[in-house]
């Protein structure tokens, strides 16, 4: 659980300021009890860095079991929501979109989500095309 939370919090962090130091200290404190928790088969301690790490096998398990499915699901949800929001903006205009209350905006986007959800469930990205207006045709 700590490993997955740590991944979510830091996977996209590019600078040290983006790290959550309080979380890191708590994680380290909890993991320092790995022997008492009978977790020697999944955790390792590195004296040189004074850090605790998941074994490669356990890290692979976490990625396969939690992180990859989360990323896949998140990708589709985010794509569907963004396309639905784009369509709503194109239909009602940006000013009307921005004036919608959160629940109203969510309900309008939800109406448009279904068509994309069905499309992607059946075809994945197979029917996706990107239109480049700035490409010069020969």
Foldseek 3Di string as FASTA:
>chain_A
DLVVVQCVQPVPDDDPVSHDVVSQVVVLVVCVCCVVVVNPVFWDADPVVRGIDGPPVNVVVCCVPPVVVVVVVVVLVVVLLVVLLVVVCVVPNPVVLVPDPPVRNVVSSVVRSVVSVVVCVVQNCNPDDDDDPPDDDD
